[in-house]
Amino acid sequence: MKYLTIRQHIYSPRHLMEIHDDRRNPLYETYCEQGMAFNVWHVMKDYCPVLTFRRKIFANAATWHVSGNMQDYLVKRKFWSLTPRYQVLGGPFQGCEVTGNIVDRTLKFYYQGKVMATADDPSLNLPDKYQLTVYRHDEPALLFMSLMLVLVHIEAFILYKRPPPRKTVKKASWI
């Protein structure tokens, strides 16, 4: 069993995210190039781009086009689902499904009827960190699960925006 942790730098203008293993070694890094019509996200390993993905603009459901060293494929979110449900169309992980629970913020990765990984948010009040428990250890599977976790994290960050910090009122010194 292996653990991966994804953490987003909150105040980063390029939406920088880092993915670490259980020994806190950086595996992947993602960043966003902001364009006029859409954003392009890059997954990098040792400062070399491995995958790029972008969201399709005119799709009725959230659809992401992924291209990189594996193959080109689509990741599509179910349209009428209240909980996060993603399905992979094409590529080496054809038919993989990611299901989630919005209440306790957990995710399960299913591939060919088997659980490939589970992800949960160790800190229920902070939307910038997930921990992934991996049951399949080959490099393409780790890259794919990291990509799916980044996709879910991007959309979850929209759903779970942090409330603004409370302003503390200083009491007057004479009271």
Foldseek 3Di string as FASTA:
>chain_A
DWKKKKFWDVPDPFRKIFIAIPVRDTAWIKTWDDDDQWIKMFIDGPNHTAKIKTWDDPDQFTKIWIDGDFHTWIWTFDNPDPWTWIAIPDTPQHGWIWTADPPQTKIFIDGPRDTQKIKGDPDSLDLGMIMIGGPDDDDVSVVVVVVVVVVVSVVVCVVRPHDDDDDDDDDDPVD
